[in-house]
Amino acid sequence: QMPYIKGFTFPSDISNFLGVNVSSEMKKQKARMLTTKKPTSWLK
């Protein structure tokens, strides 16, 4: 026993610590970026 960081409990599940489901969050962001309205009319 050689505790260095005191007053903090390391979480056993990092997903709960981050507070979001990483896979679903990435899918949501990707969908938002891919379905954004693109300025194609005046570029064409």
PDB file of all heavy atoms in Angstrom:
ATOM      1  N   GLN A   1       0.832  -1.195   0.000  1.00  0.00           N
ATOM      2  CA  GLN A   1       0.000   0.000   0.000  1.00  0.00           C
ATOM      3  C   GLN A   1       0.875   1.256   0.000  1.00  0.00           C
ATOM      4  O   GLN A   1       1.602   1.521   0.951  1.00  0.00           O
ATOM      5  CB  GLN A   1      -0.904   0.000   1.242  1.00  0.00           C
ATOM      6  CG  GLN A   1      -2.090  -0.934   1.154  1.00  0.00           C
ATOM      7  CD  GLN A   1      -3.197  -0.364   0.265  1.00  0.00           C
ATOM      8  OE1 GLN A   1      -3.217   0.825  -0.046  1.00  0.00           O
ATOM      9  NE2 GLN A   1      -4.111  -1.228  -0.154  1.00  0.00           N
ATOM     10  N   MET A   2       0.803   2.023  -1.084  1.00  0.00           N
ATOM     11  CA  MET A   2       1.511   3.305  -1.175  1.00  0.00           C
ATOM     12  C   MET A   2       0.602   4.323  -1.876  1.00  0.00           C
ATOM     13  O   MET A   2       0.872   4.767  -2.986  1.00  0.00           O
ATOM     14  CB  MET A   2       2.812   3.145  -1.963  1.00  0.00           C
ATOM     15  CG  MET A   2       3.866   2.303  -1.282  1.00  0.00           C
ATOM     16  SD  MET A   2       5.332   2.117  -2.339  1.00  0.00           S
ATOM     17  CE  MET A   2       5.804   3.817  -2.575  1.00  0.00           C
ATOM     18  N   PRO A   3      -0.524   4.669  -1.248  1.00  0.00           N
ATOM     19  CA  PRO A   3      -1.456   5.598  -1.920  1.00  0.00           C
ATOM     20  C   PRO A   3      -0.816   6.964  -2.131  1.00  0.00           C
ATOM     21  O   PRO A   3      -0.174   7.520  -1.238  1.00  0.00           O
ATOM     22  CB  PRO A   3      -2.641   5.663  -0.947  1.00  0.00           C
ATOM     23  CG  PRO A   3      -2.072   5.289   0.376  1.00  0.00           C
ATOM     24  CD  PRO A   3      -0.971   4.307   0.101  1.00  0.00           C
ATOM     25  N   TYR A   4      -0.993   7.485  -3.329  1.00  0.00           N
ATOM     26  CA  TYR A   4      -0.413   8.787  -3.694  1.00  0.00           C
ATOM     27  C   TYR A   4      -1.509   9.843  -3.863  1.00  0.00           C
ATOM     28  O   TYR A   4      -1.399  10.961  -3.375  1.00  0.00           O
ATOM     29  CB  TYR A   4       0.389   8.639  -4.991  1.00  0.00           C
ATOM     30  CG  TYR A   4       0.950   9.935  -5.522  1.00  0.00           C
ATOM     31  CD1 TYR A   4       1.915  10.622  -4.812  1.00  0.00           C
ATOM     32  CD2 TYR A   4       0.505  10.456  -6.737  1.00  0.00           C
ATOM     33  CE1 TYR A   4       2.429  11.819  -5.301  1.00  0.00           C
ATOM     34  CE2 TYR A   4       1.018  11.641  -7.227  1.00  0.00           C
ATOM     35  CZ  TYR A   4       1.975  12.322  -6.508  1.00  0.00           C
ATOM     36  OH  TYR A   4       2.480  13.505  -6.986  1.00  0.00           O
ATOM     37  N   ILE A   5      -2.575   9.497  -4.565  1.00  0.00           N
ATOM     38  CA  ILE A   5      -3.694  10.416  -4.773  1.00  0.00           C
ATOM     39  C   ILE A   5      -4.774  10.072  -3.760  1.00  0.00           C
ATOM     40  O   ILE A   5      -5.359   8.993  -3.805  1.00  0.00           O
ATOM     41  CB  ILE A   5      -4.230  10.308  -6.218  1.00  0.00           C
ATOM     42  CG1 ILE A   5      -3.125  10.691  -7.203  1.00  0.00           C
ATOM     43  CG2 ILE A   5      -5.459  11.175  -6.418  1.00  0.00           C
ATOM     44  CD1 ILE A   5      -3.480  10.484  -8.642  1.00  0.00           C
ATOM     45  N   LYS A   6      -5.042  11.005  -2.867  1.00  0.00           N
ATOM     46  CA  LYS A   6      -5.990  10.766  -1.784  1.00  0.00           C
ATOM     47  C   LYS A   6      -7.234  11.627  -2.001  1.00  0.00           C
ATOM     48  O   LYS A   6      -7.191  12.690  -2.608  1.00  0.00           O
ATOM     49  CB  LYS A   6      -5.346  11.097  -0.440  1.00  0.00           C
ATOM     50  CG  LYS A   6      -4.105  10.256  -0.143  1.00  0.00           C
ATOM     51  CD  LYS A   6      -3.469  10.643   1.180  1.00  0.00           C
ATOM     52  CE  LYS A   6      -2.213   9.810   1.440  1.00  0.00           C
ATOM     53  NZ  LYS A   6      -1.559  10.181   2.725  1.00  0.00           N
ATOM     54  N   GLY A   7      -8.349  11.125  -1.512  1.00  0.00           N
ATOM     55  CA  GLY A   7      -9.604  11.844  -1.639  1.00  0.00           C
ATOM     56  C   GLY A   7     -10.295  11.655  -2.975  1.00  0.00           C
ATOM     57  O   GLY A   7     -11.257  12.364  -3.290  1.00  0.00           O
ATOM     58  N   PHE A   8      -9.822  10.718  -3.776  1.00  0.00           N
ATOM     59  CA  PHE A   8     -10.435  10.446  -5.079  1.00  0.00           C
ATOM     60  C   PHE A   8     -10.504   8.942  -5.279  1.00  0.00           C
ATOM     61  O   PHE A   8      -9.511   8.228  -5.094  1.00  0.00           O
ATOM     62  CB  PHE A   8      -9.621  11.081  -6.207  1.00  0.00           C
ATOM     63  CG  PHE A   8     -10.157  10.786  -7.583  1.00  0.00           C
ATOM     64  CD1 PHE A   8     -11.274  11.436  -8.067  1.00  0.00           C
ATOM     65  CD2 PHE A   8      -9.537   9.840  -8.401  1.00  0.00           C
ATOM     66  CE1 PHE A   8     -11.769  11.172  -9.333  1.00  0.00           C
ATOM     67  CE2 PHE A   8     -10.019   9.557  -9.657  1.00  0.00           C
ATOM     68  CZ  PHE A   8     -11.148  10.228 -10.125  1.00  0.00           C
ATOM     69  N   THR A   9     -11.675   8.463  -5.638  1.00  0.00           N
ATOM     70  CA  THR A   9     -11.875   7.036  -5.899  1.00  0.00           C
ATOM     71  C   THR A   9     -11.883   6.814  -7.402  1.00  0.00           C
ATOM     72  O   THR A   9     -12.697   7.407  -8.117  1.00  0.00           O
ATOM     73  CB  THR A   9     -13.198   6.552  -5.292  1.00  0.00           C
ATOM     74  OG1 THR A   9     -13.204   6.829  -3.884  1.00  0.00           O
ATOM     75  CG2 THR A   9     -13.371   5.060  -5.525  1.00  0.00           C
ATOM     76  N   PHE A  10     -10.984   5.983  -7.870  1.00  0.00           N
ATOM     77  CA  PHE A  10     -10.918   5.709  -9.301  1.00  0.00           C
ATOM     78  C   PHE A  10     -12.140   4.891  -9.723  1.00  0.00           C
ATOM     79  O   PHE A  10     -12.424   3.848  -9.137  1.00  0.00           O
ATOM     80  CB  PHE A  10      -9.639   4.943  -9.643  1.00  0.00           C
ATOM     81  CG  PHE A  10      -8.406   5.789  -9.534  1.00  0.00           C
ATOM     82  CD1 PHE A  10      -7.658   5.805  -8.367  1.00  0.00           C
ATOM     83  CD2 PHE A  10      -7.992   6.579 -10.597  1.00  0.00           C
ATOM     84  CE1 PHE A  10      -6.523   6.590  -8.258  1.00  0.00           C
ATOM     85  CE2 PHE A  10      -6.857   7.363 -10.511  1.00  0.00           C
ATOM     86  CZ  PHE A  10      -6.123   7.372  -9.335  1.00  0.00           C
ATOM     87  N   PRO A  11     -12.868   5.349 -10.726  1.00  0.00           N
ATOM     88  CA  PRO A  11     -14.079   4.622 -11.146  1.00  0.00           C
ATOM     89  C   PRO A  11     -13.724   3.282 -11.779  1.00  0.00           C
ATOM     90  O   PRO A  11     -12.755   3.166 -12.530  1.00  0.00           O
ATOM     91  CB  PRO A  11     -14.725   5.572 -12.169  1.00  0.00           C
ATOM     92  CG  PRO A  11     -13.600   6.406 -12.684  1.00  0.00           C
ATOM     93  CD  PRO A  11     -12.629   6.562 -11.546  1.00  0.00           C
ATOM     94  N   SER A  12     -14.526   2.291 -11.458  1.00  0.00           N
ATOM     95  CA  SER A  12     -14.296   0.970 -12.046  1.00  0.00           C
ATOM     96  C   SER A  12     -14.785   0.907 -13.492  1.00  0.00           C
ATOM     97  O   SER A  12     -14.259   0.132 -14.297  1.00  0.00           O
ATOM     98  CB  SER A  12     -15.002  -0.105 -11.213  1.00  0.00           C
ATOM     99  OG  SER A  12     -16.394   0.172 -11.116  1.00  0.00           O
ATOM    100  N   ASP A  13     -15.776   1.716 -13.819  1.00  0.00           N
ATOM    101  CA  ASP A  13     -16.304   1.775 -15.183  1.00  0.00           C
ATOM    102  C   ASP A  13     -16.086   3.182 -15.712  1.00  0.00           C
ATOM    103  O   ASP A  13     -16.699   4.142 -15.225  1.00  0.00           O
ATOM    104  CB  ASP A  13     -17.796   1.414 -15.191  1.00  0.00           C
ATOM    105  CG  ASP A  13     -18.337   1.282 -16.617  1.00  0.00           C
ATOM    106  OD1 ASP A  13     -17.535   1.401 -17.566  1.00  0.00           O
ATOM    107  OD2 ASP A  13     -19.555   1.072 -16.774  1.00  0.00           O
ATOM    108  N   ILE A  14     -15.235   3.312 -16.710  1.00  0.00           N
ATOM    109  CA  ILE A  14     -14.915   4.636 -17.232  1.00  0.00           C
ATOM    110  C   ILE A  14     -16.086   5.245 -17.999  1.00  0.00           C
ATOM    111  O   ILE A  14     -16.206   6.471 -18.105  1.00  0.00           O
ATOM    112  CB  ILE A  14     -13.649   4.565 -18.121  1.00  0.00           C
ATOM    113  CG1 ILE A  14     -13.150   5.970 -18.448  1.00  0.00           C
ATOM    114  CG2 ILE A  14     -13.902   3.761 -19.373  1.00  0.00           C
ATOM    115  CD1 ILE A  14     -11.813   5.991 -19.153  1.00  0.00           C
ATOM    116  N   SER A  15     -16.971   4.414 -18.541  1.00  0.00           N
ATOM    117  CA  SER A  15     -18.123   4.942 -19.272  1.00  0.00           C
ATOM    118  C   SER A  15     -19.040   5.729 -18.346  1.00  0.00           C
ATOM    119  O   SER A  15     -19.566   6.792 -18.721  1.00  0.00           O
ATOM    120  CB  SER A  15     -18.896   3.805 -19.944  1.00  0.00           C
ATOM    121  OG  SER A  15     -18.087   3.134 -20.885  1.00  0.00           O
ATOM    122  N   ASN A  16     -19.235   5.227 -17.113  1.00  0.00           N
ATOM    123  CA  ASN A  16     -20.046   5.965 -16.144  1.00  0.00           C
ATOM    124  C   ASN A  16     -19.369   7.267 -15.746  1.00  0.00           C
ATOM    125  O   ASN A  16     -20.036   8.284 -15.516  1.00  0.00           O
ATOM    126  CB  ASN A  16     -20.298   5.106 -14.908  1.00  0.00           C
ATOM    127  CG  ASN A  16     -21.170   3.903 -15.214  1.00  0.00           C
ATOM    128  OD1 ASN A  16     -21.959   3.926 -16.152  1.00  0.00           O
ATOM    129  ND2 ASN A  16     -21.007   2.848 -14.433  1.00  0.00           N
ATOM    130  N   PHE A  17     -18.049   7.261 -15.675  1.00  0.00           N
ATOM    131  CA  PHE A  17     -17.317   8.477 -15.323  1.00  0.00           C
ATOM    132  C   PHE A  17     -17.447   9.529 -16.416  1.00  0.00           C
ATOM    133  O   PHE A  17     -17.624  10.720 -16.137  1.00  0.00           O
ATOM    134  CB  PHE A  17     -15.842   8.144 -15.089  1.00  0.00           C
ATOM    135  CG  PHE A  17     -14.971   9.360 -14.868  1.00  0.00           C
ATOM    136  CD1 PHE A  17     -14.957  10.002 -13.636  1.00  0.00           C
ATOM    137  CD2 PHE A  17     -14.172   9.860 -15.883  1.00  0.00           C
ATOM    138  CE1 PHE A  17     -14.163  11.118 -13.433  1.00  0.00           C
ATOM    139  CE2 PHE A  17     -13.373  10.966 -15.691  1.00  0.00           C
ATOM    140  CZ  PHE A  17     -13.367  11.599 -14.456  1.00  0.00           C
ATOM    141  N   LEU A  18     -17.383   9.102 -17.673  1.00  0.00           N
ATOM    142  CA  LEU A  18     -17.517  10.039 -18.782  1.00  0.00           C
ATOM    143  C   LEU A  18     -18.937  10.558 -18.927  1.00  0.00           C
ATOM    144  O   LEU A  18     -19.159  11.646 -19.452  1.00  0.00           O
ATOM    145  CB  LEU A  18     -17.066   9.375 -20.089  1.00  0.00           C
ATOM    146  CG  LEU A  18     -15.594   8.964 -20.151  1.00  0.00           C
ATOM    147  CD1 LEU A  18     -15.291   8.258 -21.463  1.00  0.00           C
ATOM    148  CD2 LEU A  18     -14.685  10.180 -19.987  1.00  0.00           C
ATOM    149  N   GLY A  19     -19.912   9.782 -18.473  1.00  0.00           N
ATOM    150  CA  GLY A  19     -21.288  10.244 -18.459  1.00  0.00           C
ATOM    151  C   GLY A  19     -22.044  10.066 -19.755  1.00  0.00           C
ATOM    152  O   GLY A  19     -23.214  10.448 -19.841  1.00  0.00           O
ATOM    153  N   VAL A  20     -21.411   9.520 -20.784  1.00  0.00           N
ATOM    154  CA  VAL A  20     -22.086   9.296 -22.064  1.00  0.00           C
ATOM    155  C   VAL A  20     -21.675   7.936 -22.601  1.00  0.00           C
ATOM    156  O   VAL A  20     -20.622   7.392 -22.248  1.00  0.00           O
ATOM    157  CB  VAL A  20     -21.720  10.381 -23.109  1.00  0.00           C
ATOM    158  CG1 VAL A  20     -22.247  11.730 -22.693  1.00  0.00           C
ATOM    159  CG2 VAL A  20     -20.216  10.439 -23.335  1.00  0.00           C
ATOM    160  N   ASN A  21     -22.533   7.400 -23.452  1.00  0.00           N
ATOM    161  CA  ASN A  21     -22.189   6.202 -24.204  1.00  0.00           C
ATOM    162  C   ASN A  21     -21.374   6.633 -25.420  1.00  0.00           C
ATOM    163  O   ASN A  21     -21.894   7.294 -26.325  1.00  0.00           O
ATOM    164  CB  ASN A  21     -23.461   5.468 -24.641  1.00  0.00           C
ATOM    165  CG  ASN A  21     -23.153   4.104 -25.228  1.00  0.00           C
ATOM    166  OD1 ASN A  21     -22.036   3.848 -25.675  1.00  0.00           O
ATOM    167  ND2 ASN A  21     -24.144   3.240 -25.234  1.00  0.00           N
ATOM    168  N   VAL A  22     -20.091   6.317 -25.421  1.00  0.00           N
ATOM    169  CA  VAL A  22     -19.181   6.858 -26.423  1.00  0.00           C
ATOM    170  C   VAL A  22     -19.604   6.471 -27.836  1.00  0.00           C
ATOM    171  O   VAL A  22     -19.632   7.298 -28.753  1.00  0.00           O
ATOM    172  CB  VAL A  22     -17.735   6.392 -26.132  1.00  0.00           C
ATOM    173  CG1 VAL A  22     -16.795   6.868 -27.224  1.00  0.00           C
ATOM    174  CG2 VAL A  22     -17.276   6.922 -24.785  1.00  0.00           C
ATOM    175  N   SER A  23     -19.967   5.215 -28.049  1.00  0.00           N
ATOM    176  CA  SER A  23     -20.320   4.752 -29.393  1.00  0.00           C
ATOM    177  C   SER A  23     -21.548   5.472 -29.929  1.00  0.00           C
ATOM    178  O   SER A  23     -21.562   5.957 -31.063  1.00  0.00           O
ATOM    179  CB  SER A  23     -20.557   3.244 -29.380  1.00  0.00           C
ATOM    180  OG  SER A  23     -19.397   2.549 -28.964  1.00  0.00           O
ATOM    181  N   SER A  24     -22.603   5.574 -29.094  1.00  0.00           N
ATOM    182  CA  SER A  24     -23.825   6.247 -29.551  1.00  0.00           C
ATOM    183  C   SER A  24     -23.596   7.729 -29.757  1.00  0.00           C
ATOM    184  O   SER A  24     -24.146   8.337 -30.684  1.00  0.00           O
ATOM    185  CB  SER A  24     -24.950   6.023 -28.539  1.00  0.00           C
ATOM    186  OG  SER A  24     -24.603   6.570 -27.280  1.00  0.00           O
ATOM    187  N   GLU A  25     -22.757   8.346 -28.912  1.00  0.00           N
ATOM    188  CA  GLU A  25     -22.470   9.778 -29.064  1.00  0.00           C
ATOM    189  C   GLU A  25     -21.727  10.048 -30.368  1.00  0.00           C
ATOM    190  O   GLU A  25     -22.005  11.028 -31.069  1.00  0.00           O
ATOM    191  CB  GLU A  25     -21.642  10.262 -27.870  1.00  0.00           C
ATOM    192  CG  GLU A  25     -21.360  11.754 -27.871  1.00  0.00           C
ATOM    193  CD  GLU A  25     -22.591  12.602 -27.659  1.00  0.00           C
ATOM    194  OE1 GLU A  25     -23.599  12.067 -27.150  1.00  0.00           O
ATOM    195  OE2 GLU A  25     -22.561  13.791 -28.011  1.00  0.00           O
ATOM    196  N   MET A  26     -20.776   9.171 -30.715  1.00  0.00           N
ATOM    197  CA  MET A  26     -20.048   9.349 -31.973  1.00  0.00           C
ATOM    198  C   MET A  26     -20.973   9.192 -33.175  1.00  0.00           C
ATOM    199  O   MET A  26     -20.860   9.907 -34.170  1.00  0.00           O
ATOM    200  CB  MET A  26     -18.895   8.342 -32.062  1.00  0.00           C
ATOM    201  CG  MET A  26     -17.810   8.510 -31.014  1.00  0.00           C
ATOM    202  SD  MET A  26     -17.044  10.127 -30.987  1.00  0.00           S
ATOM    203  CE  MET A  26     -17.889  10.896 -29.609  1.00  0.00           C
ATOM    204  N   LYS A  27     -21.901   8.244 -33.080  1.00  0.00           N
ATOM    205  CA  LYS A  27     -22.848   8.039 -34.182  1.00  0.00           C
ATOM    206  C   LYS A  27     -23.755   9.250 -34.352  1.00  0.00           C
ATOM    207  O   LYS A  27     -24.068   9.660 -35.477  1.00  0.00           O
ATOM    208  CB  LYS A  27     -23.676   6.780 -33.933  1.00  0.00           C
ATOM    209  CG  LYS A  27     -22.882   5.485 -34.063  1.00  0.00           C
ATOM    210  CD  LYS A  27     -23.761   4.278 -33.786  1.00  0.00           C
ATOM    211  CE  LYS A  27     -22.961   2.979 -33.912  1.00  0.00           C
ATOM    212  NZ  LYS A  27     -23.803   1.783 -33.609  1.00  0.00           N
ATOM    213  N   LYS A  28     -24.193   9.858 -33.236  1.00  0.00           N
ATOM    214  CA  LYS A  28     -25.038  11.046 -33.319  1.00  0.00           C
ATOM    215  C   LYS A  28     -24.285  12.211 -33.967  1.00  0.00           C
ATOM    216  O   LYS A  28     -24.820  12.909 -34.830  1.00  0.00           O
ATOM    217  CB  LYS A  28     -25.507  11.444 -31.916  1.00  0.00           C
ATOM    218  CG  LYS A  28     -26.526  10.502 -31.296  1.00  0.00           C
ATOM    219  CD  LYS A  28     -26.917  10.982 -29.912  1.00  0.00           C
ATOM    220  CE  LYS A  28     -27.891  10.012 -29.254  1.00  0.00           C
ATOM    221  NZ  LYS A  28     -28.254  10.454 -27.869  1.00  0.00           N
ATOM    222  N   GLN A  29     -23.046  12.431 -33.544  1.00  0.00           N
ATOM    223  CA  GLN A  29     -22.263  13.527 -34.119  1.00  0.00           C
ATOM    224  C   GLN A  29     -22.000  13.301 -35.605  1.00  0.00           C
ATOM    225  O   GLN A  29     -22.090  14.236 -36.411  1.00  0.00           O
ATOM    226  CB  GLN A  29     -20.937  13.678 -33.356  1.00  0.00           C
ATOM    227  CG  GLN A  29     -21.090  14.187 -31.940  1.00  0.00           C
ATOM    228  CD  GLN A  29     -19.760  14.378 -31.251  1.00  0.00           C
ATOM    229  OE1 GLN A  29     -18.698  14.201 -31.841  1.00  0.00           O
ATOM    230  NE2 GLN A  29     -19.797  14.748 -29.973  1.00  0.00           N
ATOM    231  N   LYS A  30     -21.693  12.060 -35.962  1.00  0.00           N
ATOM    232  CA  LYS A  30     -21.442  11.759 -37.376  1.00  0.00           C
ATOM    233  C   LYS A  30     -22.688  11.993 -38.213  1.00  0.00           C
ATOM    234  O   LYS A  30     -22.614  12.541 -39.329  1.00  0.00           O
ATOM    235  CB  LYS A  30     -20.970  10.309 -37.513  1.00  0.00           C
ATOM    236  CG  LYS A  30     -20.571   9.928 -38.926  1.00  0.00           C
ATOM    237  CD  LYS A  30     -20.056   8.500 -38.972  1.00  0.00           C
ATOM    238  CE  LYS A  30     -19.638   8.113 -40.384  1.00  0.00           C
ATOM    239  NZ  LYS A  30     -19.134   6.709 -40.436  1.00  0.00           N
ATOM    240  N   ALA A  31     -23.852  11.589 -37.677  1.00  0.00           N
ATOM    241  CA  ALA A  31     -25.097  11.798 -38.414  1.00  0.00           C
ATOM    242  C   ALA A  31     -25.388  13.284 -38.586  1.00  0.00           C
ATOM    243  O   ALA A  31     -25.820  13.729 -39.656  1.00  0.00           O
ATOM    244  CB  ALA A  31     -26.245  11.114 -37.677  1.00  0.00           C
ATOM    245  N   ARG A  32     -25.119  14.077 -37.548  1.00  0.00           N
ATOM    246  CA  ARG A  32     -25.353  15.523 -37.646  1.00  0.00           C
ATOM    247  C   ARG A  32     -24.437  16.167 -38.675  1.00  0.00           C
ATOM    248  O   ARG A  32     -24.847  17.056 -39.419  1.00  0.00           O
ATOM    249  CB  ARG A  32     -25.136  16.174 -36.277  1.00  0.00           C
ATOM    250  CG  ARG A  32     -26.184  15.863 -35.247  1.00  0.00           C
ATOM    251  CD  ARG A  32     -25.806  16.436 -33.901  1.00  0.00           C
ATOM    252  NE  ARG A  32     -25.691  17.884 -33.957  1.00  0.00           N
ATOM    253  CZ  ARG A  32     -25.153  18.619 -32.981  1.00  0.00           C
ATOM    254  NH1 ARG A  32     -24.670  18.019 -31.907  1.00  0.00           N
ATOM    255  NH2 ARG A  32     -25.097  19.919 -33.091  1.00  0.00           N
ATOM    256  N   MET A  33     -23.191  15.706 -38.736  1.00  0.00           N
ATOM    257  CA  MET A  33     -22.240  16.300 -39.678  1.00  0.00           C
ATOM    258  C   MET A  33     -22.530  15.882 -41.113  1.00  0.00           C
ATOM    259  O   MET A  33     -22.347  16.659 -42.046  1.00  0.00           O
ATOM    260  CB  MET A  33     -20.809  15.911 -39.285  1.00  0.00           C
ATOM    261  CG  MET A  33     -20.371  16.479 -37.946  1.00  0.00           C
ATOM    262  SD  MET A  33     -18.767  15.871 -37.392  1.00  0.00           S
ATOM    263  CE  MET A  33     -17.674  16.722 -38.511  1.00  0.00           C
ATOM    264  N   LEU A  34     -22.993  14.645 -41.303  1.00  0.00           N
ATOM    265  CA  LEU A  34     -23.224  14.151 -42.659  1.00  0.00           C
ATOM    266  C   LEU A  34     -24.548  14.622 -43.238  1.00  0.00           C
ATOM    267  O   LEU A  34     -24.699  14.694 -44.455  1.00  0.00           O
ATOM    268  CB  LEU A  34     -23.162  12.625 -42.673  1.00  0.00           C
ATOM    269  CG  LEU A  34     -21.789  12.006 -42.413  1.00  0.00           C
ATOM    270  CD1 LEU A  34     -21.878  10.487 -42.428  1.00  0.00           C
ATOM    271  CD2 LEU A  34     -20.768  12.473 -43.438  1.00  0.00           C
ATOM    272  N   THR A  35     -25.516  14.898 -42.366  1.00  0.00           N
ATOM    273  CA  THR A  35     -26.825  15.324 -42.859  1.00  0.00           C
ATOM    274  C   THR A  35     -26.997  16.832 -42.858  1.00  0.00           C
ATOM    275  O   THR A  35     -28.095  17.331 -43.076  1.00  0.00           O
ATOM    276  CB  THR A  35     -27.942  14.700 -41.993  1.00  0.00           C
ATOM    277  OG1 THR A  35     -27.740  15.085 -40.621  1.00  0.00           O
ATOM    278  CG2 THR A  35     -27.936  13.199 -42.101  1.00  0.00           C
ATOM    279  N   THR A  36     -25.910  17.564 -42.625  1.00  0.00           N
ATOM    280  CA  THR A  36     -26.003  19.023 -42.632  1.00  0.00           C
ATOM    281  C   THR A  36     -26.238  19.521 -44.052  1.00  0.00           C
ATOM    282  O   THR A  36     -25.715  18.979 -45.018  1.00  0.00           O
ATOM    283  CB  THR A  36     -24.695  19.628 -42.082  1.00  0.00           C
ATOM    284  OG1 THR A  36     -24.415  19.047 -40.810  1.00  0.00           O
ATOM    285  CG2 THR A  36     -24.822  21.132 -41.927  1.00  0.00           C
ATOM    286  N   LYS A  37     -27.031  20.581 -44.154  1.00  0.00           N
ATOM    287  CA  LYS A  37     -27.289  21.184 -45.455  1.00  0.00           C
ATOM    288  C   LYS A  37     -25.996  21.735 -46.034  1.00  0.00           C
ATOM    289  O   LYS A  37     -25.289  22.521 -45.414  1.00  0.00           O
ATOM    290  CB  LYS A  37     -28.310  22.316 -45.309  1.00  0.00           C
ATOM    291  CG  LYS A  37     -28.610  23.034 -46.615  1.00  0.00           C
ATOM    292  CD  LYS A  37     -29.556  24.201 -46.369  1.00  0.00           C
ATOM    293  CE  LYS A  37     -29.781  24.976 -47.663  1.00  0.00           C
ATOM    294  NZ  LYS A  37     -30.655  26.150 -47.442  1.00  0.00           N
ATOM    295  N   LYS A  38     -25.662  21.283 -47.239  1.00  0.00           N
ATOM    296  CA  LYS A  38     -24.425  21.717 -47.891  1.00  0.00           C
ATOM    297  C   LYS A  38     -24.709  22.848 -48.874  1.00  0.00           C
ATOM    298  O   LYS A  38     -25.746  22.860 -49.531  1.00  0.00           O
ATOM    299  CB  LYS A  38     -23.778  20.544 -48.648  1.00  0.00           C
ATOM    300  CG  LYS A  38     -23.512  19.326 -47.793  1.00  0.00           C
ATOM    301  CD  LYS A  38     -22.569  19.623 -46.658  1.00  0.00           C
ATOM    302  CE  LYS A  38     -22.131  18.360 -45.940  1.00  0.00           C
ATOM    303  NZ  LYS A  38     -23.203  17.612 -45.343  1.00  0.00           N
ATOM    304  N   PRO A  39     -23.794  23.807 -48.995  1.00  0.00           N
ATOM    305  CA  PRO A  39     -23.986  24.936 -49.919  1.00  0.00           C
ATOM    306  C   PRO A  39     -23.630  24.548 -51.348  1.00  0.00           C
ATOM    307  O   PRO A  39     -22.669  25.045 -51.932  1.00  0.00           O
ATOM    308  CB  PRO A  39     -23.037  25.990 -49.361  1.00  0.00           C
ATOM    309  CG  PRO A  39     -21.926  25.198 -48.763  1.00  0.00           C
ATOM    310  CD  PRO A  39     -22.550  23.938 -48.221  1.00  0.00           C
ATOM    311  N   THR A  40     -24.381  23.619 -51.926  1.00  0.00           N
ATOM    312  CA  THR A  40     -24.011  23.100 -53.242  1.00  0.00           C
ATOM    313  C   THR A  40     -24.532  23.949 -54.388  1.00  0.00           C
ATOM    314  O   THR A  40     -23.951  23.951 -55.471  1.00  0.00           O
ATOM    315  CB  THR A  40     -24.549  21.663 -53.394  1.00  0.00           C
ATOM    316  OG1 THR A  40     -25.972  21.688 -53.165  1.00  0.00           O
ATOM    317  CG2 THR A  40     -23.900  20.737 -52.389  1.00  0.00           C
ATOM    318  N   SER A  41     -25.643  24.670 -54.167  1.00  0.00           N
ATOM    319  CA  SER A  41     -26.285  25.369 -55.292  1.00  0.00           C
ATOM    320  C   SER A  41     -25.386  26.444 -55.868  1.00  0.00           C
ATOM    321  O   SER A  41     -25.074  26.444 -57.068  1.00  0.00           O
ATOM    322  CB  SER A  41     -27.609  25.969 -54.831  1.00  0.00           C
ATOM    323  OG  SER A  41     -27.379  26.866 -53.743  1.00  0.00           O
ATOM    324  N   TRP A  42     -24.902  27.376 -55.025  1.00  0.00           N
ATOM    325  CA  TRP A  42     -24.089  28.463 -55.567  1.00  0.00           C
ATOM    326  C   TRP A  42     -22.670  28.008 -55.893  1.00  0.00           C
ATOM    327  O   TRP A  42     -22.004  28.589 -56.750  1.00  0.00           O
ATOM    328  CB  TRP A  42     -24.064  29.644 -54.602  1.00  0.00           C
ATOM    329  CG  TRP A  42     -23.457  29.365 -53.265  1.00  0.00           C
ATOM    330  CD1 TRP A  42     -24.082  28.924 -52.155  1.00  0.00           C
ATOM    331  CD2 TRP A  42     -22.075  29.499 -52.915  1.00  0.00           C
ATOM    332  NE1 TRP A  42     -23.187  28.775 -51.125  1.00  0.00           N
ATOM    333  CE2 TRP A  42     -21.954  29.130 -51.556  1.00  0.00           C
ATOM    334  CE3 TRP A  42     -20.933  29.905 -53.603  1.00  0.00           C
ATOM    335  CZ2 TRP A  42     -20.753  29.145 -50.884  1.00  0.00           C
ATOM    336  CZ3 TRP A  42     -19.723  29.928 -52.932  1.00  0.00           C
ATOM    337  CH2 TRP A  42     -19.639  29.542 -51.581  1.00  0.00           C
ATOM    338  N   LEU A  43     -22.188  26.925 -55.236  1.00  0.00           N
ATOM    339  CA  LEU A  43     -20.872  26.396 -55.601  1.00  0.00           C
ATOM    340  C   LEU A  43     -20.901  25.804 -57.009  1.00  0.00           C
ATOM    341  O   LEU A  43     -19.954  25.963 -57.780  1.00  0.00           O
ATOM    342  CB  LEU A  43     -20.438  25.331 -54.591  1.00  0.00           C
ATOM    343  CG  LEU A  43     -19.858  25.839 -53.269  1.00  0.00           C
ATOM    344  CD1 LEU A  43     -19.551  24.674 -52.340  1.00  0.00           C
ATOM    345  CD2 LEU A  43     -18.603  26.658 -53.500  1.00  0.00           C
ATOM    346  N   LYS A  44     -22.020  25.116 -57.358  1.00  0.00           N
ATOM    347  CA  LYS A  44     -22.133  24.562 -58.708  1.00  0.00           C
ATOM    348  C   LYS A  44     -22.176  25.672 -59.753  1.00  0.00           C
ATOM    349  O   LYS A  44     -21.581  25.558 -60.825  1.00  0.00           O
ATOM    350  CB  LYS A  44     -23.379  23.687 -58.803  1.00  0.00           C
ATOM    351  CG  LYS A  44     -23.260  22.362 -58.052  1.00  0.00           C
ATOM    352  CD  LYS A  44     -24.526  21.542 -58.199  1.00  0.00           C
ATOM    353  CE  LYS A  44     -24.384  20.209 -57.458  1.00  0.00           C
ATOM    354  NZ  LYS A  44     -25.635  19.402 -57.558  1.00  0.00           N
TER     355      LYS A  44
END
